[in-house]
Amino acid sequence: MPKVKEKRERKCKSEDMVNAIVAVREKKKGYLAASKRFNVPRSTLFDYVRSKSEPTKAVKSNLDENQYSQLHLKRS
């Protein structure tokens, strides 16, 4: 019988990921420095920064509506 893989738990908060994406895109920090500062996975940060979408939209799928609206208001 094949083994079933368990999903990993998220290790970072979505708000931290958004802040890290913004820091890298504004060239305030590099990938490694931002991943350490905001405690987010570097490879995931790299993928999100390379996407063309707005930081909150890139992470939106992992947020509920209330969290998304709060983050969107903070960035505006």
PDB file of N, CA and C in Angstrom:
ATOM      1  N   MET A   1       0.847  -1.178   0.000  1.00  0.00           N
ATOM      2  CA  MET A   1       0.000   0.000   0.000  1.00  0.00           C
ATOM      3  C   MET A   1       0.894   1.243   0.000  1.00  0.00           C
ATOM      4  N   PRO A   2       0.642   2.204  -0.893  1.00  0.00           N
ATOM      5  CA  PRO A   2       1.498   3.393  -0.973  1.00  0.00           C
ATOM      6  C   PRO A   2       1.320   4.290   0.248  1.00  0.00           C
ATOM      7  N   LYS A   3       2.399   4.950   0.581  1.00  0.00           N
ATOM      8  CA  LYS A   3       2.363   5.881   1.702  1.00  0.00           C
ATOM      9  C   LYS A   3       1.705   7.181   1.259  1.00  0.00           C
ATOM     10  N   VAL A   4       0.976   7.791   2.164  1.00  0.00           N
ATOM     11  CA  VAL A   4       0.324   9.060   1.883  1.00  0.00           C
ATOM     12  C   VAL A   4       1.169  10.165   2.490  1.00  0.00           C
ATOM     13  N   LYS A   5       1.524  11.148   1.669  1.00  0.00           N
ATOM     14  CA  LYS A   5       2.318  12.266   2.172  1.00  0.00           C
ATOM     15  C   LYS A   5       1.434  13.225   2.944  1.00  0.00           C
ATOM     16  N   GLU A   6       1.942  13.666   4.051  1.00  0.00           N
ATOM     17  CA  GLU A   6       1.212  14.659   4.830  1.00  0.00           C
ATOM     18  C   GLU A   6       1.624  16.044   4.363  1.00  0.00           C
ATOM     19  N   LYS A   7       0.668  16.964   4.366  1.00  0.00           N
ATOM     20  CA  LYS A   7       0.985  18.332   3.979  1.00  0.00           C
ATOM     21  C   LYS A   7       1.753  19.003   5.100  1.00  0.00           C
ATOM     22  N   ARG A   8       2.686  19.836   4.705  1.00  0.00           N
ATOM     23  CA  ARG A   8       3.460  20.580   5.685  1.00  0.00           C
ATOM     24  C   ARG A   8       2.662  21.779   6.179  1.00  0.00           C
ATOM     25  N   GLU A   9       2.894  22.122   7.396  1.00  0.00           N
ATOM     26  CA  GLU A   9       2.244  23.287   7.970  1.00  0.00           C
ATOM     27  C   GLU A   9       3.001  24.536   7.539  1.00  0.00           C
ATOM     28  N   ARG A  10       2.276  25.628   7.343  1.00  0.00           N
ATOM     29  CA  ARG A  10       2.938  26.880   6.976  1.00  0.00           C
ATOM     30  C   ARG A  10       3.820  27.333   8.119  1.00  0.00           C
ATOM     31  N   LYS A  11       5.029  27.726   7.779  1.00  0.00           N
ATOM     32  CA  LYS A  11       5.978  28.153   8.796  1.00  0.00           C
ATOM     33  C   LYS A  11       6.037  29.661   8.955  1.00  0.00           C
ATOM     34  N   CYS A  12       5.347  30.373   8.104  1.00  0.00           N
ATOM     35  CA  CYS A  12       5.407  31.833   8.181  1.00  0.00           C
ATOM     36  C   CYS A  12       4.012  32.430   8.079  1.00  0.00           C
ATOM     37  N   LYS A  13       3.892  33.616   8.600  1.00  0.00           N
ATOM     38  CA  LYS A  13       2.623  34.334   8.509  1.00  0.00           C
ATOM     39  C   LYS A  13       2.551  35.019   7.155  1.00  0.00           C
ATOM     40  N   SER A  14       1.346  35.148   6.651  1.00  0.00           N
ATOM     41  CA  SER A  14       1.163  35.791   5.350  1.00  0.00           C
ATOM     42  C   SER A  14       1.590  37.254   5.392  1.00  0.00           C
ATOM     43  N   GLU A  15       1.350  37.911   6.526  1.00  0.00           N
ATOM     44  CA  GLU A  15       1.744  39.316   6.663  1.00  0.00           C
ATOM     45  C   GLU A  15       3.265  39.458   6.577  1.00  0.00           C
ATOM     46  N   ASP A  16       3.997  38.520   7.184  1.00  0.00           N
ATOM     47  CA  ASP A  16       5.459  38.548   7.101  1.00  0.00           C
ATOM     48  C   ASP A  16       5.930  38.341   5.671  1.00  0.00           C
ATOM     49  N   MET A  17       5.251  37.450   4.951  1.00  0.00           N
ATOM     50  CA  MET A  17       5.623  37.193   3.558  1.00  0.00           C
ATOM     51  C   MET A  17       5.399  38.439   2.709  1.00  0.00           C
ATOM     52  N   VAL A  18       4.283  39.128   2.921  1.00  0.00           N
ATOM     53  CA  VAL A  18       4.000  40.354   2.159  1.00  0.00           C
ATOM     54  C   VAL A  18       5.064  41.402   2.452  1.00  0.00           C
ATOM     55  N   ASN A  19       5.420  41.570   3.724  1.00  0.00           N
ATOM     56  CA  ASN A  19       6.449  42.546   4.090  1.00  0.00           C
ATOM     57  C   ASN A  19       7.802  42.197   3.471  1.00  0.00           C
ATOM     58  N   ALA A  20       8.121  40.914   3.422  1.00  0.00           N
ATOM     59  CA  ALA A  20       9.382  40.480   2.815  1.00  0.00           C
ATOM     60  C   ALA A  20       9.377  40.741   1.312  1.00  0.00           C
ATOM     61  N   ILE A  21       8.258  40.471   0.647  1.00  0.00           N
ATOM     62  CA  ILE A  21       8.150  40.718  -0.794  1.00  0.00           C
ATOM     63  C   ILE A  21       8.354  42.195  -1.092  1.00  0.00           C
ATOM     64  N   VAL A  22       7.714  43.043  -0.307  1.00  0.00           N
ATOM     65  CA  VAL A  22       7.830  44.488  -0.513  1.00  0.00           C
ATOM     66  C   VAL A  22       9.271  44.950  -0.289  1.00  0.00           C
ATOM     67  N   ALA A  23       9.921  44.427   0.750  1.00  0.00           N
ATOM     68  CA  ALA A  23      11.300  44.824   1.052  1.00  0.00           C
ATOM     69  C   ALA A  23      12.239  44.454  -0.089  1.00  0.00           C
ATOM     70  N   VAL A  24      12.054  43.282  -0.671  1.00  0.00           N
ATOM     71  CA  VAL A  24      12.929  42.854  -1.776  1.00  0.00           C
ATOM     72  C   VAL A  24      12.626  43.648  -3.039  1.00  0.00           C
ATOM     73  N   ARG A  25      11.355  43.845  -3.331  1.00  0.00           N
ATOM     74  CA  ARG A  25      10.996  44.581  -4.558  1.00  0.00           C
ATOM     75  C   ARG A  25      11.434  46.038  -4.498  1.00  0.00           C
ATOM     76  N   GLU A  26      11.437  46.628  -3.320  1.00  0.00           N
ATOM     77  CA  GLU A  26      11.879  48.018  -3.169  1.00  0.00           C
ATOM     78  C   GLU A  26      13.389  48.110  -2.982  1.00  0.00           C
ATOM     79  N   LYS A  27      14.062  46.974  -3.056  1.00  0.00           N
ATOM     80  CA  LYS A  27      15.518  46.863  -2.941  1.00  0.00           C
ATOM     81  C   LYS A  27      16.056  47.376  -1.612  1.00  0.00           C
ATOM     82  N   LYS A  28      15.247  47.225  -0.568  1.00  0.00           N
ATOM     83  CA  LYS A  28      15.704  47.563   0.779  1.00  0.00           C
ATOM     84  C   LYS A  28      16.493  46.407   1.379  1.00  0.00           C
ATOM     85  N   LYS A  29      16.153  45.181   0.959  1.00  0.00           N
ATOM     86  CA  LYS A  29      16.846  43.980   1.432  1.00  0.00           C
ATOM     87  C   LYS A  29      16.970  42.990   0.286  1.00  0.00           C
ATOM     88  N   GLY A  30      17.953  42.121   0.407  1.00  0.00           N
ATOM     89  CA  GLY A  30      18.103  41.037  -0.556  1.00  0.00           C
ATOM     90  C   GLY A  30      17.248  39.854  -0.128  1.00  0.00           C
ATOM     91  N   TYR A  31      17.235  38.788  -0.935  1.00  0.00           N
ATOM     92  CA  TYR A  31      16.415  37.615  -0.634  1.00  0.00           C
ATOM     93  C   TYR A  31      16.805  36.982   0.695  1.00  0.00           C
ATOM     94  N   LEU A  32      18.094  36.761   0.895  1.00  0.00           N
ATOM     95  CA  LEU A  32      18.539  36.090   2.111  1.00  0.00           C
ATOM     96  C   LEU A  32      18.271  36.934   3.351  1.00  0.00           C
ATOM     97  N   ALA A  33      18.583  38.220   3.279  1.00  0.00           N
ATOM     98  CA  ALA A  33      18.362  39.110   4.425  1.00  0.00           C
ATOM     99  C   ALA A  33      16.874  39.219   4.759  1.00  0.00           C
ATOM    100  N   ALA A  34      16.026  39.327   3.740  1.00  0.00           N
ATOM    101  CA  ALA A  34      14.582  39.437   3.975  1.00  0.00           C
ATOM    102  C   ALA A  34      14.016  38.141   4.541  1.00  0.00           C
ATOM    103  N   SER A  35      14.497  37.009   4.045  1.00  0.00           N
ATOM    104  CA  SER A  35      13.983  35.736   4.552  1.00  0.00           C
ATOM    105  C   SER A  35      14.360  35.528   6.016  1.00  0.00           C
ATOM    106  N   LYS A  36      15.551  35.972   6.390  1.00  0.00           N
ATOM    107  CA  LYS A  36      15.956  35.860   7.794  1.00  0.00           C
ATOM    108  C   LYS A  36      15.230  36.874   8.670  1.00  0.00           C
ATOM    109  N   ARG A  37      15.088  38.096   8.175  1.00  0.00           N
ATOM    110  CA  ARG A  37      14.456  39.167   8.956  1.00  0.00           C
ATOM    111  C   ARG A  37      12.985  38.878   9.231  1.00  0.00           C
ATOM    112  N   PHE A  38      12.266  38.401   8.206  1.00  0.00           N
ATOM    113  CA  PHE A  38      10.830  38.174   8.341  1.00  0.00           C
ATOM    114  C   PHE A  38      10.486  36.712   8.610  1.00  0.00           C
ATOM    115  N   ASN A  39      11.497  35.855   8.711  1.00  0.00           N
ATOM    116  CA  ASN A  39      11.326  34.442   9.037  1.00  0.00           C
ATOM    117  C   ASN A  39      10.392  33.741   8.037  1.00  0.00           C
ATOM    118  N   VAL A  40      10.741  33.866   6.761  1.00  0.00           N
ATOM    119  CA  VAL A  40       9.977  33.224   5.692  1.00  0.00           C
ATOM    120  C   VAL A  40      10.936  32.368   4.863  1.00  0.00           C
ATOM    121  N   PRO A  41      10.429  31.331   4.192  1.00  0.00           N
ATOM    122  CA  PRO A  41      11.290  30.500   3.348  1.00  0.00           C
ATOM    123  C   PRO A  41      11.838  31.292   2.157  1.00  0.00           C
ATOM    124  N   ARG A  42      13.139  31.188   1.932  1.00  0.00           N
ATOM    125  CA  ARG A  42      13.791  31.965   0.874  1.00  0.00           C
ATOM    126  C   ARG A  42      13.301  31.566  -0.508  1.00  0.00           C
ATOM    127  N   SER A  43      13.129  30.280  -0.751  1.00  0.00           N
ATOM    128  CA  SER A  43      12.698  29.844  -2.086  1.00  0.00           C
ATOM    129  C   SER A  43      11.277  30.305  -2.394  1.00  0.00           C
ATOM    130  N   THR A  44      10.407  30.286  -1.408  1.00  0.00           N
ATOM    131  CA  THR A  44       9.039  30.759  -1.610  1.00  0.00           C
ATOM    132  C   THR A  44       9.035  32.267  -1.837  1.00  0.00           C
ATOM    133  N   LEU A  45       9.849  32.974  -1.078  1.00  0.00           N
ATOM    134  CA  LEU A  45       9.984  34.419  -1.253  1.00  0.00           C
ATOM    135  C   LEU A  45      10.453  34.733  -2.674  1.00  0.00           C
ATOM    136  N   PHE A  46      11.428  33.989  -3.154  1.00  0.00           N
ATOM    137  CA  PHE A  46      11.950  34.170  -4.503  1.00  0.00           C
ATOM    138  C   PHE A  46      10.831  34.002  -5.538  1.00  0.00           C
ATOM    139  N   ASP A  47      10.003  32.970  -5.370  1.00  0.00           N
ATOM    140  CA  ASP A  47       8.902  32.723  -6.308  1.00  0.00           C
ATOM    141  C   ASP A  47       7.895  33.871  -6.291  1.00  0.00           C
ATOM    142  N   TYR A  48       7.536  34.334  -5.094  1.00  0.00           N
ATOM    143  CA  TYR A  48       6.564  35.422  -4.984  1.00  0.00           C
ATOM    144  C   TYR A  48       7.110  36.738  -5.548  1.00  0.00           C
ATOM    145  N   VAL A  49       8.383  37.029  -5.334  1.00  0.00           N
ATOM    146  CA  VAL A  49       8.967  38.277  -5.832  1.00  0.00           C
ATOM    147  C   VAL A  49       9.005  38.265  -7.358  1.00  0.00           C
ATOM    148  N   ARG A  50       9.283  37.136  -7.938  1.00  0.00           N
ATOM    149  CA  ARG A  50       9.365  37.042  -9.395  1.00  0.00           C
ATOM    150  C   ARG A  50       7.999  37.122 -10.073  1.00  0.00           C
ATOM    151  N   SER A  51       6.926  36.840  -9.323  1.00  0.00           N
ATOM    152  CA  SER A  51       5.590  36.947  -9.925  1.00  0.00           C
ATOM    153  C   SER A  51       5.283  38.418 -10.167  1.00  0.00           C
ATOM    154  N   LYS A  52       4.481  38.686 -11.152  1.00  0.00           N
ATOM    155  CA  LYS A  52       4.180  40.064 -11.544  1.00  0.00           C
ATOM    156  C   LYS A  52       3.053  40.680 -10.724  1.00  0.00           C
ATOM    157  N   SER A  53       2.372  39.876  -9.924  1.00  0.00           N
ATOM    158  CA  SER A  53       1.202  40.377  -9.197  1.00  0.00           C
ATOM    159  C   SER A  53       1.598  41.179  -7.959  1.00  0.00           C
ATOM    160  N   GLU A  54       0.638  41.922  -7.463  1.00  0.00           N
ATOM    161  CA  GLU A  54       0.815  42.714  -6.248  1.00  0.00           C
ATOM    162  C   GLU A  54       1.080  41.761  -5.076  1.00  0.00           C
ATOM    163  N   PRO A  55       1.930  42.139  -4.107  1.00  0.00           N
ATOM    164  CA  PRO A  55       2.280  41.234  -3.018  1.00  0.00           C
ATOM    165  C   PRO A  55       1.084  40.643  -2.276  1.00  0.00           C
ATOM    166  N   THR A  56       0.084  41.461  -1.983  1.00  0.00           N
ATOM    167  CA  THR A  56      -1.061  40.929  -1.241  1.00  0.00           C
ATOM    168  C   THR A  56      -1.873  39.965  -2.091  1.00  0.00           C
ATOM    169  N   LYS A  57      -1.903  40.172  -3.413  1.00  0.00           N
ATOM    170  CA  LYS A  57      -2.625  39.247  -4.288  1.00  0.00           C
ATOM    171  C   LYS A  57      -1.856  37.944  -4.446  1.00  0.00           C
ATOM    172  N   ALA A  58      -0.538  38.005  -4.424  1.00  0.00           N
ATOM    173  CA  ALA A  58       0.273  36.802  -4.542  1.00  0.00           C
ATOM    174  C   ALA A  58       0.047  35.870  -3.361  1.00  0.00           C
ATOM    175  N   VAL A  59      -0.172  36.442  -2.204  1.00  0.00           N
ATOM    176  CA  VAL A  59      -0.346  35.653  -0.983  1.00  0.00           C
ATOM    177  C   VAL A  59      -1.824  35.502  -0.637  1.00  0.00           C
ATOM    178  N   LYS A  60      -2.718  36.130  -1.387  1.00  0.00           N
ATOM    179  CA  LYS A  60      -4.144  36.184  -1.050  1.00  0.00           C
ATOM    180  C   LYS A  60      -4.767  34.810  -0.877  1.00  0.00           C
ATOM    181  N   SER A  61      -4.374  33.848  -1.662  1.00  0.00           N
ATOM    182  CA  SER A  61      -5.005  32.528  -1.601  1.00  0.00           C
ATOM    183  C   SER A  61      -4.856  31.897  -0.221  1.00  0.00           C
ATOM    184  N   ASN A  62      -3.895  32.361   0.554  1.00  0.00           N
ATOM    185  CA  ASN A  62      -3.671  31.802   1.883  1.00  0.00           C
ATOM    186  C   ASN A  62      -4.265  32.657   2.999  1.00  0.00           C
ATOM    187  N   LEU A  63      -4.949  33.735   2.633  1.00  0.00           N
ATOM    188  CA  LEU A  63      -5.543  34.628   3.616  1.00  0.00           C
ATOM    189  C   LEU A  63      -7.058  34.525   3.575  1.00  0.00           C
ATOM    190  N   ASP A  64      -7.699  34.799   4.700  1.00  0.00           N
ATOM    191  CA  ASP A  64      -9.143  34.937   4.636  1.00  0.00           C
ATOM    192  C   ASP A  64      -9.464  36.391   4.263  1.00  0.00           C
ATOM    193  N   GLU A  65     -10.708  36.688   3.996  1.00  0.00           N
ATOM    194  CA  GLU A  65     -11.095  38.013   3.507  1.00  0.00           C
ATOM    195  C   GLU A  65     -10.730  39.145   4.469  1.00  0.00           C
ATOM    196  N   ASN A  66     -10.915  38.931   5.772  1.00  0.00           N
ATOM    197  CA  ASN A  66     -10.633  39.963   6.768  1.00  0.00           C
ATOM    198  C   ASN A  66      -9.139  40.305   6.791  1.00  0.00           C
ATOM    199  N   GLN A  67      -8.281  39.288   6.786  1.00  0.00           N
ATOM    200  CA  GLN A  67      -6.835  39.512   6.795  1.00  0.00           C
ATOM    201  C   GLN A  67      -6.403  40.225   5.515  1.00  0.00           C
ATOM    202  N   TYR A  68      -6.966  39.818   4.374  1.00  0.00           N
ATOM    203  CA  TYR A  68      -6.597  40.429   3.092  1.00  0.00           C
ATOM    204  C   TYR A  68      -6.948  41.911   3.079  1.00  0.00           C
ATOM    205  N   SER A  69      -8.149  42.260   3.553  1.00  0.00           N
ATOM    206  CA  SER A  69      -8.561  43.658   3.539  1.00  0.00           C
ATOM    207  C   SER A  69      -7.689  44.490   4.471  1.00  0.00           C
ATOM    208  N   GLN A  70      -7.284  43.933   5.609  1.00  0.00           N
ATOM    209  CA  GLN A  70      -6.412  44.651   6.536  1.00  0.00           C
ATOM    210  C   GLN A  70      -5.036  44.905   5.912  1.00  0.00           C
ATOM    211  N   LEU A  71      -4.478  43.903   5.266  1.00  0.00           N
ATOM    212  CA  LEU A  71      -3.175  44.061   4.622  1.00  0.00           C
ATOM    213  C   LEU A  71      -3.264  45.053   3.474  1.00  0.00           C
ATOM    214  N   HIS A  72      -4.331  44.973   2.702  1.00  0.00           N
ATOM    215  CA  HIS A  72      -4.491  45.861   1.562  1.00  0.00           C
ATOM    216  C   HIS A  72      -4.613  47.312   2.024  1.00  0.00           C
ATOM    217  N   LEU A  73      -5.293  47.536   3.143  1.00  0.00           N
ATOM    218  CA  LEU A  73      -5.429  48.895   3.665  1.00  0.00           C
ATOM    219  C   LEU A  73      -4.104  49.417   4.204  1.00  0.00           C
ATOM    220  N   LYS A  74      -3.293  48.542   4.803  1.00  0.00           N
ATOM    221  CA  LYS A  74      -2.004  48.958   5.345  1.00  0.00           C
ATOM    222  C   LYS A  74      -1.062  49.401   4.232  1.00  0.00           C
ATOM    223  N   ARG A  75      -1.104  48.749   3.065  1.00  0.00           N
ATOM    224  CA  ARG A  75      -0.194  49.055   1.964  1.00  0.00           C
ATOM    225  C   ARG A  75      -0.622  50.298   1.201  1.00  0.00           C
ATOM    226  N   SER A  76      -1.916  50.645   1.241  1.00  0.00           N
ATOM    227  CA  SER A  76      -2.412  51.792   0.468  1.00  0.00           C
ATOM    228  C   SER A  76      -2.001  53.109   1.055  1.00  0.00           C
TER     229      SER A  76
END
